Amino acid sequence: MAANHLINNSKADRFILLLNKIILSLLVLIIIVPLIYVVLGSFLQPSILVTRGLSLNPDHWTLDGYIRIFQDGSIVRGFFNSLFYAGSFTLVSVTFTVLAGYSLSIKDLVGGKAIIIFFLFAMFFNGGMIPTYLVVRSLGLVNTPWALILPGSIGIWNIILCRTFFRGLPNELKEAARIDGASDFRIFISIILPLSKPIIFVIALFAFIGQWNSYFNAMIYLDDRSLYPLQLVLREILVQNEVPQGMIADQLARAEMQRMAEMIKYSSIVVSSLPLMVMYPFFQKYFEKGVMVGSLK
């Protein structure tokens, strides 16, 4: 049937399909080629990477970049700090976003429209960085893990996505459960949540990635180096390996340090991206469903 369908396509249709394949292939190359370059570059000797570029010769490979960044215990500590921050941030974000979205999905909710308007206003207009910092400081959260977990954990757009998803679920399921004597809490736990895996996993993926890649809030709110996340630790390593012109008199030593900084940069990118690349395949089937929430509406 598929073959007959392709045969019946007009020349214009076949041209468009071919053009789409070419464009998608180019997009894949745009994504894959830099990724391969970074991974291979993280294993190459600095002198080879700078003078010759990529090389598949095993004699030119080295683990010095990874050894260097893991010699400092702050890397391991920052890695587990980032896991804790991203995991806690995701848990808080998913919990309150799903609860808010389900509550606002109830059509006869008193004041539901006013709450939505208030949320939309807060999504487009916020106080900014300085008022947010003053609030965080007044709550005593500065230099604590909560300064990275609580602020920004609830996204208005995610609440709207959840609300749209919950409204798309058959209302007959809830009515049948109420006839059987189930409470609203029982309906939410036993019926709504099992059907909401796509949107929950999408929100969790967005929240985890956003928090994992974040370092700016840590720069603002954290003073204790033992609380630094991985991204901030890696940023400091890169900065420390960029030697100013006046610090080293030997031109060769300065050049070698710059080559080493280039290799460490690639190794840092691989280390910081590895958890996301490992996690995404497990979320992919839910991600494809969840991102289409509300598209027909």
Protein backbone atom coordinates (compact mmCIF):
# COMPACT_ATOMS: atom_id res chain seq x y z
CA MET A 1 0.00 0.00 0.00
CA ALA A 2 2.88 2.35 0.82
CA ALA A 3 4.51 1.60 -2.55
CA ASN A 4 1.28 2.33 -4.43
CA HIS A 5 0.95 5.57 -2.51
CA LEU A 6 4.46 6.65 -3.55
CA ILE A 7 3.79 5.67 -7.17
CA ASN A 8 0.61 7.74 -7.27
CA ASN A 9 2.42 10.83 -6.03
CA SER A 10 2.78 13.56 -8.62
CA LYS A 11 6.13 14.96 -9.69
CA ALA A 12 5.57 17.97 -7.48
CA ASP A 13 4.92 15.75 -4.46
CA ARG A 14 8.02 13.67 -5.14
CA PHE A 15 10.07 16.85 -5.54
CA ILE A 16 8.81 18.19 -2.19
CA LEU A 17 9.55 14.86 -0.48
CA LEU A 18 13.05 14.84 -1.93
CA LEU A 19 13.59 18.44 -0.89
CA ASN A 20 12.43 17.63 2.65
CA LYS A 21 14.85 14.72 2.83
CA ILE A 22 17.73 16.91 1.70
CA ILE A 23 16.89 19.63 4.23
CA LEU A 24 16.50 17.13 7.07
CA SER A 25 19.78 15.47 6.11
CA LEU A 26 21.55 18.83 6.20
CA LEU A 27 20.05 19.58 9.61
CA VAL A 28 21.25 16.22 10.92
CA LEU A 29 24.74 16.96 9.62
CA ILE A 30 24.69 20.41 11.23
CA ILE A 31 23.96 18.72 14.58
CA ILE A 32 26.09 15.59 14.26
CA VAL A 33 29.31 17.07 12.83
CA PRO A 34 29.98 19.54 15.72
CA LEU A 35 29.12 16.79 18.23
CA ILE A 36 31.61 14.39 16.66
CA TYR A 37 34.22 17.15 16.48
CA VAL A 38 33.85 17.96 20.18
CA VAL A 39 33.98 14.30 21.28
CA LEU A 40 37.05 13.52 19.16
CA GLY A 41 38.70 16.80 20.11
CA SER A 42 38.40 15.94 23.80
CA PHE A 43 40.62 12.87 23.26
CA LEU A 44 43.29 14.45 21.03
CA GLN A 45 46.63 15.79 22.16
CA PRO A 46 46.56 19.59 22.36
CA SER A 47 49.38 20.05 19.84
CA ILE A 48 47.72 17.74 17.30
CA LEU A 49 44.32 19.38 17.79
CA VAL A 50 45.69 22.88 17.17
CA THR A 51 48.12 22.15 14.34
CA ARG A 52 46.46 19.29 12.42
CA GLY A 53 42.85 19.28 13.57
CA LEU A 54 41.01 15.98 14.05
CA SER A 55 42.97 12.76 13.77
CA LEU A 56 41.85 9.13 13.93
CA ASN A 57 45.37 7.92 14.70
CA PRO A 58 45.31 6.26 18.17
CA ASP A 59 48.85 7.53 18.77
CA HIS A 60 47.47 11.06 18.85
CA TRP A 61 44.82 10.31 21.44
CA THR A 62 45.12 11.09 25.13
CA LEU A 63 43.02 11.24 28.29
CA ASP A 64 44.89 14.23 29.71
CA GLY A 65 41.86 16.48 29.32
CA TYR A 66 39.61 14.22 31.38
CA ILE A 67 42.37 13.42 33.88
CA ARG A 68 43.00 17.12 34.40
CA ILE A 69 39.39 18.07 35.06
CA PHE A 70 38.82 15.10 37.40
CA GLN A 71 42.03 15.57 39.38
CA ASP A 72 40.33 18.38 41.24
CA GLY A 73 37.73 17.04 43.69
CA SER A 74 35.52 20.03 42.96
CA ILE A 75 34.50 18.40 39.65
CA VAL A 76 33.03 15.33 41.34
CA ARG A 77 31.45 17.45 44.05
CA GLY A 78 30.02 19.83 41.44
CA PHE A 79 28.66 16.89 39.45
CA PHE A 80 26.70 15.54 42.42
CA ASN A 81 25.63 19.07 43.37
CA SER A 82 24.20 19.54 39.89
CA LEU A 83 22.40 16.19 40.09
CA PHE A 84 20.88 17.23 43.41
CA TYR A 85 19.89 20.69 42.19
CA ALA A 86 18.46 19.44 38.90
CA GLY A 87 16.64 16.50 40.50
CA SER A 88 15.15 18.60 43.31
CA PHE A 89 14.25 21.40 40.92
CA THR A 90 12.50 18.89 38.63
CA LEU A 91 10.59 17.31 41.51
CA VAL A 92 9.35 20.66 42.80
CA SER A 93 8.55 21.93 39.32
CA VAL A 94 6.60 18.84 38.21
CA THR A 95 4.69 18.54 41.49
CA PHE A 96 3.38 22.08 41.67
CA THR A 97 2.95 22.49 37.92
CA VAL A 98 0.79 19.37 37.63
CA LEU A 99 -1.28 20.30 40.67
CA ALA A 100 -1.84 23.84 39.38
CA GLY A 101 -2.62 22.64 35.86
CA TYR A 102 -5.16 20.08 37.05
CA SER A 103 -6.86 22.60 39.34
CA LEU A 104 -7.16 25.16 36.54
CA SER A 105 -8.46 22.52 34.14
CA ILE A 106 -11.68 22.21 36.18
CA LYS A 107 -14.24 24.20 34.19
CA ASP A 108 -16.38 25.27 37.14
CA LEU A 109 -13.42 26.38 39.29
CA VAL A 110 -14.32 29.58 41.12
CA GLY A 111 -12.06 32.40 39.95
CA GLY A 112 -10.29 30.17 37.43
CA LYS A 113 -10.29 32.79 34.65
CA ALA A 114 -8.94 35.47 36.98
CA ILE A 115 -6.12 33.17 38.07
CA ILE A 116 -5.22 32.41 34.45
CA ILE A 117 -5.12 36.13 33.60
CA PHE A 118 -2.91 36.76 36.64
CA PHE A 119 -0.57 33.94 35.60
CA LEU A 120 -0.36 35.24 32.02
CA PHE A 121 0.47 38.74 33.26
CA ALA A 122 3.21 37.32 35.50
CA MET A 123 4.58 35.31 32.55
CA PHE A 124 5.06 38.40 30.36
CA PHE A 125 6.01 40.89 33.08
CA ASN A 126 8.31 40.07 36.00
CA GLY A 127 10.23 42.06 38.56
CA GLY A 128 13.65 41.43 37.11
CA MET A 129 16.93 40.24 38.57
CA ILE A 130 17.44 42.79 41.35
CA PRO A 131 13.95 42.49 42.92
CA THR A 132 14.21 38.70 42.67
CA TYR A 133 17.55 38.76 44.46
CA LEU A 134 16.13 41.00 47.19
CA VAL A 135 13.26 38.56 47.72
CA VAL A 136 15.58 35.57 47.85
CA ARG A 137 17.85 37.37 50.33
CA SER A 138 14.94 38.46 52.52
CA LEU A 139 13.83 34.83 52.74
CA GLY A 140 17.29 33.78 53.92
CA LEU A 141 17.94 31.56 50.91
CA VAL A 142 21.20 33.15 49.74
CA ASN A 143 24.15 30.71 49.84
CA THR A 144 21.81 27.74 50.30
CA PRO A 145 20.71 25.04 47.81
CA TRP A 146 17.15 26.37 48.01
CA ALA A 147 18.25 29.53 46.19
CA LEU A 148 18.72 27.38 43.06
CA ILE A 149 15.72 25.10 43.59
CA LEU A 150 12.78 27.32 44.50
CA PRO A 151 13.09 30.48 42.32
CA GLY A 152 11.85 29.77 38.83
CA SER A 153 10.79 26.21 39.57
CA ILE A 154 7.23 26.86 38.41
CA GLY A 155 6.78 27.94 34.82
CA ILE A 156 3.52 29.53 33.73
CA TRP A 157 3.81 28.10 30.23
CA ASN A 158 4.15 24.59 31.67
CA ILE A 159 1.03 25.16 33.76
CA ILE A 160 -0.87 26.15 30.63
CA LEU A 161 0.37 23.02 28.85
CA CYS A 162 -0.80 20.85 31.75
CA ARG A 163 -4.14 22.61 31.84
CA THR A 164 -4.65 22.00 28.12
CA PHE A 165 -3.67 18.33 28.47
CA PHE A 166 -6.00 17.69 31.41
CA ARG A 167 -8.90 19.34 29.63
CA GLY A 168 -8.36 16.97 26.71
CA LEU A 169 -8.89 13.89 28.89
CA PRO A 170 -12.37 12.30 28.70
CA ASN A 171 -14.60 13.75 31.40
CA GLU A 172 -16.55 10.47 31.48
CA LEU A 173 -13.66 8.83 33.33
CA LYS A 174 -14.01 11.22 36.25
CA GLU A 175 -17.79 10.98 36.26
CA ALA A 176 -17.66 7.17 36.35
CA ALA A 177 -15.16 7.29 39.21
CA ARG A 178 -17.37 9.67 41.18
CA ILE A 179 -20.33 7.31 40.71
CA ASP A 180 -18.19 4.55 42.20
CA GLY A 181 -17.53 6.79 45.21
CA ALA A 182 -14.00 7.98 44.42
CA SER A 183 -12.93 11.32 45.87
CA ASP A 184 -11.24 14.06 43.84
CA PHE A 185 -7.87 13.11 45.30
CA ARG A 186 -8.44 9.44 44.43
CA ILE A 187 -9.44 10.38 40.88
CA PHE A 188 -6.32 12.48 40.48
CA ILE A 189 -3.96 9.80 41.81
CA SER A 190 -5.53 6.70 40.26
CA ILE A 191 -6.87 8.02 36.93
CA ILE A 192 -5.40 11.37 35.95
CA LEU A 193 -1.73 10.80 36.79
CA PRO A 194 -1.39 7.42 34.97
CA LEU A 195 -2.85 9.05 31.84
CA SER A 196 -0.58 12.10 32.15
CA LYS A 197 2.81 10.45 31.68
CA PRO A 198 3.54 12.25 28.36
CA ILE A 199 3.08 15.77 29.71
CA ILE A 200 4.76 14.93 33.04
CA PHE A 201 7.87 13.56 31.34
CA VAL A 202 8.05 16.54 28.98
CA ILE A 203 7.89 19.01 31.88
CA ALA A 204 10.43 16.96 33.82
CA LEU A 205 12.80 16.90 30.85
CA PHE A 206 12.53 20.66 30.30
CA ALA A 207 13.03 21.37 34.00
CA PHE A 208 16.02 19.04 34.37
CA ILE A 209 17.80 20.32 31.27
CA GLY A 210 17.17 23.95 32.17
CA GLN A 211 18.53 23.54 35.70
CA TRP A 212 21.44 21.33 34.64
CA ASN A 213 22.69 23.89 32.12
CA SER A 214 22.18 26.86 34.44
CA TYR A 215 25.12 28.55 36.13
CA PHE A 216 24.12 32.22 36.29
CA ASN A 217 21.88 31.83 39.36
CA ALA A 218 24.68 29.97 41.14
CA MET A 219 27.02 32.90 40.44
CA ILE A 220 24.52 35.28 42.01
CA TYR A 221 23.26 33.33 45.03
CA LEU A 222 26.16 31.05 46.07
CA ASP A 223 29.36 32.08 47.86
CA ASP A 224 30.39 28.71 49.29
CA ARG A 225 32.50 26.84 46.73
CA SER A 226 31.34 23.48 48.12
CA LEU A 227 27.84 24.31 46.84
CA TYR A 228 28.91 25.16 43.30
CA PRO A 229 27.18 23.16 40.53
CA LEU A 230 29.16 21.45 37.80
CA GLN A 231 28.58 24.15 35.20
CA LEU A 232 30.03 26.85 37.43
CA VAL A 233 33.03 24.67 38.35
CA LEU A 234 33.76 23.93 34.70
CA ARG A 235 33.43 27.61 33.84
CA GLU A 236 36.05 28.46 36.45
CA ILE A 237 38.40 25.81 35.09
CA LEU A 238 38.13 27.26 31.60
CA VAL A 239 38.75 30.76 32.86
CA GLN A 240 41.77 29.66 34.89
CA ASN A 241 43.32 28.02 31.83
CA GLU A 242 43.05 31.18 29.70
CA VAL A 243 46.40 32.69 30.62
CA PRO A 244 46.70 36.49 30.30
CA GLN A 245 49.50 37.78 28.08
CA GLY A 246 51.56 39.33 30.88
CA MET A 247 51.59 36.39 33.29
CA ILE A 248 53.98 34.06 31.43
CA ALA A 249 57.13 35.30 29.77
CA ASP A 250 57.85 32.10 27.87
CA GLN A 251 55.93 32.17 24.61
CA LEU A 252 56.10 28.38 24.25
CA ALA A 253 54.68 27.80 27.73
CA ARG A 254 51.86 30.25 27.03
CA ALA A 255 51.04 28.53 23.74
CA GLU A 256 51.01 25.10 25.37
CA MET A 257 48.68 26.35 28.10
CA GLN A 258 46.29 27.71 25.49
CA ARG A 259 46.33 24.36 23.67
CA MET A 260 45.58 22.54 26.92
CA ALA A 261 42.71 24.96 27.63
CA GLU A 262 41.24 24.14 24.22
CA MET A 263 41.29 20.40 24.96
CA ILE A 264 39.86 20.92 28.45
CA LYS A 265 37.04 22.93 26.91
CA TYR A 266 36.01 19.98 24.76
CA SER A 267 36.34 17.52 27.66
CA SER A 268 34.19 19.78 29.83
CA ILE A 269 31.47 19.92 27.19
CA VAL A 270 31.37 16.12 26.97
CA VAL A 271 31.28 15.68 30.76
CA SER A 272 28.51 18.22 31.24
CA SER A 273 26.42 16.86 28.33
CA LEU A 274 26.74 13.14 29.08
CA PRO A 275 23.83 12.86 31.60
CA LEU A 276 21.46 14.59 29.19
CA MET A 277 22.44 12.35 26.28
CA VAL A 278 21.96 9.26 28.46
CA MET A 279 18.61 10.43 29.80
CA TYR A 280 16.92 11.62 26.60
CA PRO A 281 16.37 8.19 24.90
CA PHE A 282 14.29 7.05 27.87
CA PHE A 283 12.09 10.15 27.61
CA GLN A 284 11.80 10.24 23.83
CA LYS A 285 8.55 8.31 23.40
CA TYR A 286 6.80 10.52 25.98
CA PHE A 287 8.46 13.66 24.64
CA GLU A 288 7.01 13.14 21.15
CA LYS A 289 3.50 12.87 22.59
CA GLY A 290 3.80 15.64 25.14
CA VAL A 291 5.15 18.36 22.84
CA MET A 292 2.03 18.03 20.65
CA VAL A 293 -0.29 18.86 23.55
CA GLY A 294 -2.83 21.44 22.47
CA SER A 295 -1.51 21.63 18.89
CA LEU A 296 -4.87 20.68 17.36
CA LYS A 297 -6.70 23.16 19.54
